Amino acid sequence: MAITADQLPDDPDALKAMVLARDVENARLIQIIKELQRHRFGRRAETLPADQLLLGLEEAEQIEAAGEEEAERGDLAARRERSAKRRTNRGALPPHLPRIEMVVDIEDHACPCCRHGLHRIGEDIPFCKPPK
């Protein structure tokens, strides 16, 4: 909406009013741009301004919280039962299972750099479960 110099009014008060109107419109557009940039490039967490949370839903929240509290009391026994089932020990395998020791031997027992003797650096003992 470009205005030429011929279309501008000669009255200074009218010019001031036009400048103020353009400033208001400019501020509104800048705010819209900031909101769009925040939406596009801002944090991904869904956050709401504090004034949006004040919707007068306190009673509904209290009723919902009371219902959840009653459900939690009923589920307490079930939770204890589930936690008792989870506490099974799955540590070491039982001693009666057979163990197979595998040693991989190499041809040269000397270090290729210094020609000193090599030593064993680790071992692996797999546990075998009996066939069913």
N, C-alpha and C. Protein backbone atom coordinates (compact mmCIF):
# COMPACT_ATOMS: atom_id res chain seq x y z
N MET A 1 0.82 -1.17 0.00
CA MET A 1 0.00 0.00 0.00
C MET A 1 0.87 1.24 0.00
N ALA A 2 1.53 1.51 -1.07
CA ALA A 2 2.42 2.67 -1.17
C ALA A 2 1.60 3.92 -1.43
N ILE A 3 1.95 4.97 -0.71
CA ILE A 3 1.27 6.25 -0.87
C ILE A 3 2.29 7.22 -1.47
N THR A 4 1.88 7.90 -2.50
CA THR A 4 2.78 8.89 -3.12
C THR A 4 2.69 10.20 -2.35
N ALA A 5 3.63 11.08 -2.61
CA ALA A 5 3.67 12.38 -1.91
C ALA A 5 2.45 13.23 -2.24
N ASP A 6 1.89 13.03 -3.42
CA ASP A 6 0.71 13.81 -3.80
C ASP A 6 -0.53 13.39 -3.01
N GLN A 7 -0.55 12.14 -2.56
CA GLN A 7 -1.73 11.62 -1.86
C GLN A 7 -1.70 11.94 -0.36
N LEU A 8 -0.57 12.38 0.17
CA LEU A 8 -0.48 12.69 1.60
C LEU A 8 -1.23 13.98 1.91
N PRO A 9 -1.88 14.03 3.07
CA PRO A 9 -2.59 15.26 3.44
C PRO A 9 -1.60 16.36 3.85
N ASP A 10 -2.04 17.58 3.76
CA ASP A 10 -1.20 18.72 4.14
C ASP A 10 -1.32 19.04 5.63
N ASP A 11 -2.31 18.52 6.27
CA ASP A 11 -2.56 18.79 7.69
C ASP A 11 -1.54 18.00 8.54
N PRO A 12 -0.78 18.68 9.43
CA PRO A 12 0.20 17.97 10.28
C PRO A 12 -0.45 16.97 11.24
N ASP A 13 -1.64 17.30 11.75
CA ASP A 13 -2.31 16.37 12.66
C ASP A 13 -2.71 15.09 11.95
N ALA A 14 -3.15 15.20 10.71
CA ALA A 14 -3.51 14.01 9.94
C ALA A 14 -2.28 13.18 9.63
N LEU A 15 -1.16 13.86 9.34
CA LEU A 15 0.09 13.13 9.09
C LEU A 15 0.56 12.39 10.35
N LYS A 16 0.43 13.05 11.51
CA LYS A 16 0.81 12.40 12.77
C LYS A 16 -0.07 11.18 13.03
N ALA A 17 -1.35 11.30 12.76
CA ALA A 17 -2.27 10.18 12.95
C ALA A 17 -1.90 9.02 12.03
N MET A 18 -1.52 9.35 10.79
CA MET A 18 -1.13 8.29 9.85
C MET A 18 0.16 7.59 10.32
N VAL A 19 1.12 8.38 10.84
CA VAL A 19 2.37 7.80 11.33
C VAL A 19 2.09 6.89 12.53
N LEU A 20 1.25 7.34 13.45
CA LEU A 20 0.90 6.52 14.61
C LEU A 20 0.18 5.23 14.20
N ALA A 21 -0.72 5.34 13.22
CA ALA A 21 -1.42 4.15 12.75
C ALA A 21 -0.44 3.16 12.12
N ARG A 22 0.51 3.69 11.37
CA ARG A 22 1.52 2.80 10.76
C ARG A 22 2.41 2.18 11.83
N ASP A 23 2.74 2.93 12.88
CA ASP A 23 3.55 2.37 13.97
C ASP A 23 2.83 1.23 14.67
N VAL A 24 1.53 1.42 14.90
CA VAL A 24 0.74 0.37 15.55
C VAL A 24 0.71 -0.88 14.67
N GLU A 25 0.47 -0.69 13.39
CA GLU A 25 0.44 -1.82 12.45
C GLU A 25 1.81 -2.49 12.36
N ASN A 26 2.87 -1.68 12.37
CA ASN A 26 4.22 -2.21 12.32
C ASN A 26 4.52 -3.05 13.57
N ALA A 27 4.14 -2.57 14.74
CA ALA A 27 4.35 -3.31 15.98
C ALA A 27 3.58 -4.63 15.97
N ARG A 28 2.35 -4.60 15.45
CA ARG A 28 1.55 -5.83 15.36
C ARG A 28 2.22 -6.85 14.44
N LEU A 29 2.71 -6.39 13.30
CA LEU A 29 3.36 -7.30 12.36
C LEU A 29 4.67 -7.85 12.91
N ILE A 30 5.42 -7.02 13.64
CA ILE A 30 6.66 -7.50 14.27
C ILE A 30 6.35 -8.57 15.30
N GLN A 31 5.28 -8.38 16.07
CA GLN A 31 4.88 -9.39 17.07
C GLN A 31 4.50 -10.70 16.39
N ILE A 32 3.78 -10.62 15.28
CA ILE A 32 3.40 -11.83 14.55
C ILE A 32 4.65 -12.55 14.04
N ILE A 33 5.60 -11.79 13.51
CA ILE A 33 6.85 -12.39 13.01
C ILE A 33 7.60 -13.08 14.15
N LYS A 34 7.68 -12.44 15.31
CA LYS A 34 8.37 -13.04 16.46
C LYS A 34 7.70 -14.34 16.88
N GLU A 35 6.38 -14.36 16.92
CA GLU A 35 5.67 -15.58 17.30
C GLU A 35 5.90 -16.70 16.29
N LEU A 36 5.88 -16.35 15.02
CA LEU A 36 6.14 -17.37 14.00
C LEU A 36 7.57 -17.89 14.08
N GLN A 37 8.53 -17.01 14.33
CA GLN A 37 9.91 -17.45 14.47
C GLN A 37 10.09 -18.32 15.71
N ARG A 38 9.43 -17.96 16.79
CA ARG A 38 9.52 -18.77 18.01
C ARG A 38 8.89 -20.13 17.78
N HIS A 39 7.81 -20.16 17.03
CA HIS A 39 7.16 -21.44 16.72
C HIS A 39 8.06 -22.28 15.83
N ARG A 40 8.71 -21.64 14.88
CA ARG A 40 9.53 -22.38 13.91
C ARG A 40 10.89 -22.75 14.48
N PHE A 41 11.55 -21.83 15.17
CA PHE A 41 12.92 -22.04 15.61
C PHE A 41 13.08 -22.14 17.12
N GLY A 42 12.01 -22.00 17.88
CA GLY A 42 12.11 -21.98 19.33
C GLY A 42 12.25 -23.38 19.91
N ARG A 43 12.15 -23.46 21.23
CA ARG A 43 12.25 -24.73 21.92
C ARG A 43 11.12 -25.64 21.48
N ARG A 44 11.39 -26.93 21.49
CA ARG A 44 10.39 -27.89 21.04
C ARG A 44 9.43 -28.30 22.15
N ALA A 45 9.76 -28.00 23.39
CA ALA A 45 8.86 -28.37 24.49
C ALA A 45 7.59 -27.55 24.40
N GLU A 46 6.50 -28.19 24.72
CA GLU A 46 5.22 -27.51 24.65
C GLU A 46 5.01 -26.71 25.93
N THR A 47 5.18 -25.43 25.87
CA THR A 47 5.00 -24.59 27.05
C THR A 47 3.88 -23.60 26.77
N LEU A 48 3.11 -23.34 27.80
CA LEU A 48 1.99 -22.42 27.68
C LEU A 48 2.23 -21.23 28.60
N PRO A 49 1.83 -20.06 28.20
CA PRO A 49 1.92 -18.91 29.11
C PRO A 49 1.04 -19.14 30.33
N ALA A 50 1.43 -18.53 31.45
CA ALA A 50 0.70 -18.73 32.70
C ALA A 50 -0.74 -18.25 32.61
N ASP A 51 -1.00 -17.19 31.86
CA ASP A 51 -2.36 -16.67 31.78
C ASP A 51 -3.29 -17.60 31.00
N GLN A 52 -2.75 -18.48 30.18
CA GLN A 52 -3.60 -19.43 29.46
C GLN A 52 -4.05 -20.57 30.36
N LEU A 53 -3.31 -20.82 31.43
CA LEU A 53 -3.64 -21.94 32.31
C LEU A 53 -4.78 -21.60 33.27
N LEU A 54 -5.11 -20.35 33.41
CA LEU A 54 -6.15 -19.93 34.34
C LEU A 54 -7.50 -19.97 33.64
N LEU A 55 -8.07 -21.14 33.51
CA LEU A 55 -9.33 -21.27 32.80
C LEU A 55 -10.50 -21.61 33.72
N GLY A 56 -10.27 -21.63 35.01
CA GLY A 56 -11.35 -21.94 35.93
C GLY A 56 -11.69 -23.42 35.98
N LEU A 57 -10.72 -24.27 35.79
CA LEU A 57 -10.97 -25.71 35.81
C LEU A 57 -10.51 -26.35 37.12
N GLU A 58 -10.42 -25.55 38.17
CA GLU A 58 -9.92 -26.08 39.43
C GLU A 58 -10.82 -27.20 39.98
N GLU A 59 -12.13 -27.02 39.87
CA GLU A 59 -13.06 -28.04 40.39
C GLU A 59 -12.91 -29.34 39.63
N ALA A 60 -12.82 -29.27 38.33
CA ALA A 60 -12.66 -30.49 37.52
C ALA A 60 -11.35 -31.18 37.85
N GLU A 61 -10.30 -30.40 38.09
CA GLU A 61 -9.02 -30.99 38.44
C GLU A 61 -9.09 -31.67 39.80
N GLN A 62 -9.80 -31.06 40.76
CA GLN A 62 -9.92 -31.66 42.09
C GLN A 62 -10.71 -32.96 42.02
N ILE A 63 -11.76 -32.99 41.23
CA ILE A 63 -12.55 -34.22 41.09
C ILE A 63 -11.71 -35.31 40.44
N GLU A 64 -10.96 -34.94 39.42
CA GLU A 64 -10.11 -35.91 38.74
C GLU A 64 -9.02 -36.43 39.67
N ALA A 65 -8.43 -35.54 40.48
CA ALA A 65 -7.38 -35.95 41.41
C ALA A 65 -7.95 -36.89 42.47
N ALA A 66 -9.17 -36.64 42.93
CA ALA A 66 -9.78 -37.53 43.92
C ALA A 66 -10.02 -38.91 43.33
N GLY A 67 -10.46 -38.97 42.08
CA GLY A 67 -10.67 -40.26 41.42
C GLY A 67 -9.36 -41.00 41.23
N GLU A 68 -8.30 -40.30 40.89
CA GLU A 68 -6.99 -40.94 40.72
C GLU A 68 -6.48 -41.46 42.06
N GLU A 69 -6.73 -40.71 43.13
CA GLU A 69 -6.26 -41.12 44.45
C GLU A 69 -6.94 -42.43 44.88
N GLU A 70 -8.23 -42.54 44.61
CA GLU A 70 -8.94 -43.78 44.94
C GLU A 70 -8.43 -44.94 44.11
N ALA A 71 -8.13 -44.69 42.85
CA ALA A 71 -7.60 -45.74 41.99
C ALA A 71 -6.21 -46.18 42.45
N GLU A 72 -5.42 -45.23 42.95
CA GLU A 72 -4.08 -45.57 43.45
C GLU A 72 -4.17 -46.45 44.69
N ARG A 73 -5.14 -46.18 45.55
CA ARG A 73 -5.30 -47.02 46.74
C ARG A 73 -5.66 -48.45 46.35
N GLY A 74 -6.52 -48.59 45.34
CA GLY A 74 -6.91 -49.93 44.89
C GLY A 74 -5.77 -50.66 44.21
N ASP A 75 -4.90 -49.92 43.55
CA ASP A 75 -3.79 -50.54 42.83
C ASP A 75 -2.58 -50.81 43.72
N LEU A 76 -2.61 -50.38 44.97
CA LEU A 76 -1.46 -50.55 45.84
C LEU A 76 -1.15 -52.03 46.05
N ALA A 77 -2.16 -52.85 46.28
CA ALA A 77 -1.93 -54.28 46.47
C ALA A 77 -1.39 -54.92 45.19
N ALA A 78 -1.93 -54.52 44.07
CA ALA A 78 -1.46 -55.07 42.79
C ALA A 78 -0.01 -54.66 42.53
N ARG A 79 0.35 -53.43 42.90
CA ARG A 79 1.73 -52.97 42.72
C ARG A 79 2.70 -53.77 43.58
N ARG A 80 2.30 -54.02 44.82
CA ARG A 80 3.16 -54.81 45.71
C ARG A 80 3.37 -56.21 45.16
N GLU A 81 2.31 -56.78 44.62
CA GLU A 81 2.41 -58.12 44.05
C GLU A 81 3.34 -58.13 42.84
N ARG A 82 3.22 -57.14 41.98
CA ARG A 82 4.08 -57.06 40.80
C ARG A 82 5.54 -56.83 41.19
N SER A 83 5.78 -55.97 42.19
CA SER A 83 7.16 -55.71 42.59
C SER A 83 7.78 -56.95 43.23
N ALA A 84 6.98 -57.76 43.91
CA ALA A 84 7.51 -59.00 44.48
C ALA A 84 7.90 -59.96 43.37
N LYS A 85 7.14 -60.00 42.29
CA LYS A 85 7.47 -60.87 41.17
C LYS A 85 8.75 -60.40 40.47
N ARG A 86 8.99 -59.11 40.42
CA ARG A 86 10.15 -58.58 39.70
C ARG A 86 11.46 -58.84 40.42
N ARG A 87 11.44 -59.11 41.69
CA ARG A 87 12.66 -59.22 42.48
C ARG A 87 13.32 -60.59 42.39
N THR A 88 13.18 -61.26 41.30
CA THR A 88 13.86 -62.54 41.15
C THR A 88 15.32 -62.29 40.82
N ASN A 89 16.19 -63.12 41.37
CA ASN A 89 17.63 -62.97 41.16
C ASN A 89 18.03 -63.68 39.88
N ARG A 90 18.63 -62.94 38.99
CA ARG A 90 19.11 -63.53 37.75
C ARG A 90 20.62 -63.36 37.66
N GLY A 91 21.29 -63.58 38.76
CA GLY A 91 22.74 -63.39 38.82
C GLY A 91 23.48 -64.53 38.15
N ALA A 92 24.33 -65.22 38.90
CA ALA A 92 25.18 -66.28 38.36
C ALA A 92 24.35 -67.51 38.01
N LEU A 93 24.86 -68.26 37.04
CA LEU A 93 24.19 -69.50 36.67
C LEU A 93 24.44 -70.54 37.76
N PRO A 94 23.56 -71.51 37.90
CA PRO A 94 23.72 -72.51 38.96
C PRO A 94 25.00 -73.33 38.78
N PRO A 95 25.57 -73.80 39.89
CA PRO A 95 26.86 -74.52 39.82
C PRO A 95 26.77 -75.89 39.15
N HIS A 96 25.59 -76.47 39.05
CA HIS A 96 25.49 -77.81 38.48
C HIS A 96 25.59 -77.83 36.95
N LEU A 97 25.55 -76.67 36.31
CA LEU A 97 25.68 -76.63 34.86
C LEU A 97 27.13 -76.90 34.46
N PRO A 98 27.34 -77.67 33.38
CA PRO A 98 28.72 -77.96 32.97
C PRO A 98 29.38 -76.72 32.35
N ARG A 99 30.67 -76.59 32.58
CA ARG A 99 31.44 -75.50 32.03
C ARG A 99 32.45 -76.06 31.03
N ILE A 100 32.65 -75.35 29.95
CA ILE A 100 33.61 -75.77 28.94
C ILE A 100 34.70 -74.70 28.89
N GLU A 101 35.92 -75.09 29.12
CA GLU A 101 37.03 -74.16 29.07
C GLU A 101 37.70 -74.29 27.71
N MET A 102 37.78 -73.18 27.00
CA MET A 102 38.38 -73.18 25.67
C MET A 102 39.65 -72.32 25.71
N VAL A 103 40.78 -72.89 25.30
CA VAL A 103 42.03 -72.16 25.24
C VAL A 103 42.45 -72.11 23.78
N VAL A 104 42.62 -70.92 23.26
CA VAL A 104 43.07 -70.74 21.88
C VAL A 104 44.58 -70.51 21.94
N ASP A 105 45.32 -71.45 21.40
CA ASP A 105 46.77 -71.37 21.44
C ASP A 105 47.29 -70.77 20.14
N ILE A 106 48.35 -70.00 20.23
CA ILE A 106 48.95 -69.40 19.05
C ILE A 106 50.30 -70.06 18.77
N GLU A 107 50.78 -69.90 17.56
CA GLU A 107 52.03 -70.56 17.17
C GLU A 107 53.24 -69.90 17.82
N ASP A 108 53.31 -68.60 17.77
CA ASP A 108 54.49 -67.89 18.26
C ASP A 108 54.16 -67.28 19.62
N HIS A 109 54.91 -67.64 20.65
CA HIS A 109 54.68 -67.12 22.01
C HIS A 109 55.60 -65.96 22.34
N ALA A 110 56.17 -65.31 21.34
CA ALA A 110 57.07 -64.18 21.56
C ALA A 110 56.41 -62.92 21.01
N CYS A 111 56.66 -61.81 21.69
CA CYS A 111 56.12 -60.52 21.26
C CYS A 111 56.80 -60.12 19.96
N PRO A 112 56.05 -59.66 18.95
CA PRO A 112 56.68 -59.30 17.68
C PRO A 112 57.57 -58.06 17.78
N CYS A 113 57.38 -57.22 18.79
CA CYS A 113 58.18 -56.00 18.91
C CYS A 113 59.48 -56.25 19.67
N CYS A 114 59.34 -56.79 20.88
CA CYS A 114 60.52 -56.89 21.74
C CYS A 114 61.01 -58.33 21.90
N ARG A 115 60.32 -59.28 21.35
CA ARG A 115 60.66 -60.71 21.38
C ARG A 115 60.67 -61.29 22.79
N HIS A 116 59.98 -60.65 23.75
CA HIS A 116 59.81 -61.23 25.08
C HIS A 116 58.62 -62.18 25.04
N GLY A 117 58.49 -63.02 26.07
CA GLY A 117 57.40 -63.98 26.12
C GLY A 117 56.05 -63.31 26.37
N LEU A 118 55.01 -63.83 25.75
CA LEU A 118 53.65 -63.32 25.92
C LEU A 118 53.00 -63.96 27.14
N HIS A 119 52.06 -63.28 27.71
CA HIS A 119 51.30 -63.85 28.83
C HIS A 119 49.81 -63.84 28.47
N ARG A 120 49.02 -64.60 29.21
CA ARG A 120 47.58 -64.69 28.97
C ARG A 120 46.92 -63.41 29.45
N ILE A 121 46.12 -62.81 28.60
CA ILE A 121 45.49 -61.53 28.96
C ILE A 121 44.04 -61.69 29.38
N GLY A 122 43.43 -62.80 29.12
CA GLY A 122 42.04 -62.98 29.50
C GLY A 122 41.58 -64.38 29.18
N GLU A 123 40.46 -64.73 29.72
CA GLU A 123 39.92 -66.05 29.43
C GLU A 123 38.41 -65.97 29.40
N ASP A 124 37.82 -66.90 28.71
CA ASP A 124 36.37 -66.94 28.57
C ASP A 124 35.91 -68.35 28.86
N ILE A 125 35.03 -68.50 29.81
CA ILE A 125 34.48 -69.81 30.14
C ILE A 125 32.99 -69.76 29.85
N PRO A 126 32.56 -70.32 28.74
CA PRO A 126 31.12 -70.31 28.44
C PRO A 126 30.39 -71.34 29.29
N PHE A 127 29.18 -71.01 29.66
CA PHE A 127 28.34 -71.92 30.43
C PHE A 127 27.36 -72.59 29.47
N CYS A 128 27.21 -73.89 29.63
CA CYS A 128 26.33 -74.65 28.74
C CYS A 128 25.09 -75.06 29.51
N LYS A 129 23.97 -74.85 28.91
CA LYS A 129 22.73 -75.33 29.50
C LYS A 129 22.47 -76.73 28.96
N PRO A 130 22.00 -77.63 29.80
CA PRO A 130 21.74 -79.00 29.33
C PRO A 130 20.62 -79.01 28.29
N PRO A 131 20.72 -79.88 27.29
CA PRO A 131 19.65 -79.96 26.28
C PRO A 131 18.36 -80.44 26.89
N LYS A 132 17.27 -79.98 26.35
CA LYS A 132 15.96 -80.36 26.88
C LYS A 132 15.42 -81.55 26.16
